[in-house]
Amino acid sequence: MLGVGRKLAKRILSTQPVITPDFRTAAYLSFAHRLPDRIGMLSAKLSGM
């Protein structure tokens, strides 16, 4: 389990393109990359914080 977290941590600040399975995921990732504060507010609302 630790190996997965370490691999993900190496990619957090990466600017390489991400391969996504569908258009919806690609659109969400593009939106999240451009407006991270909006995604944070949306996540907080959805989690009830």
Protein backbone atom coordinates (compact mmCIF):
# COMPACT_ATOMS: atom_id res chain seq x y z
CA MET A 1 0.00 0.00 0.00
CA LEU A 2 2.83 2.42 0.73
CA GLY A 3 4.21 2.03 -2.77
CA VAL A 4 1.05 3.44 -4.32
CA GLY A 5 1.15 6.55 -2.11
CA ARG A 6 4.80 7.17 -2.88
CA LYS A 7 4.25 6.87 -6.62
CA LEU A 8 1.31 9.27 -6.40
CA ALA A 9 3.30 11.75 -4.32
CA LYS A 10 5.99 11.89 -7.01
CA ARG A 11 3.38 12.90 -9.60
CA ILE A 12 1.59 15.63 -7.63
CA LEU A 13 3.64 18.52 -9.00
CA SER A 14 4.22 16.87 -12.38
CA THR A 15 3.18 18.69 -15.53
CA GLN A 16 3.03 15.54 -17.66
CA PRO A 17 -0.35 14.78 -19.25
CA VAL A 18 -2.66 12.36 -17.45
CA ILE A 19 -4.30 9.55 -19.41
CA THR A 20 -7.99 9.37 -18.53
CA PRO A 21 -10.57 6.72 -19.41
CA ASP A 22 -13.30 9.09 -20.57
CA PHE A 23 -14.13 12.69 -21.48
CA ARG A 24 -15.90 13.43 -18.18
CA THR A 25 -12.79 12.59 -16.15
CA ALA A 26 -10.56 14.56 -18.51
CA ALA A 27 -12.86 17.60 -18.24
CA TYR A 28 -12.91 17.39 -14.42
CA LEU A 29 -9.12 17.14 -14.23
CA SER A 30 -8.73 20.09 -16.59
CA PHE A 31 -11.14 22.16 -14.48
CA ALA A 32 -9.40 21.10 -11.25
CA HIS A 33 -6.01 22.06 -12.66
CA ARG A 34 -7.17 25.54 -13.69
CA LEU A 35 -9.33 26.35 -10.65
CA PRO A 36 -8.10 24.35 -7.62
CA ASP A 37 -9.77 26.66 -5.08
CA ARG A 38 -13.21 26.08 -6.67
CA ILE A 39 -12.71 22.32 -6.54
CA GLY A 40 -11.75 22.63 -2.87
CA MET A 41 -14.92 24.57 -2.08
CA LEU A 42 -17.02 22.04 -4.02
CA SER A 43 -15.41 19.15 -2.14
CA ALA A 44 -16.04 20.87 1.18
CA LYS A 45 -19.72 21.40 0.33
CA LEU A 46 -20.16 17.80 -0.78
CA SER A 47 -18.52 16.44 2.38
CA GLY A 48 -20.64 18.66 4.63
CA MET A 49 -17.87 20.83 6.03
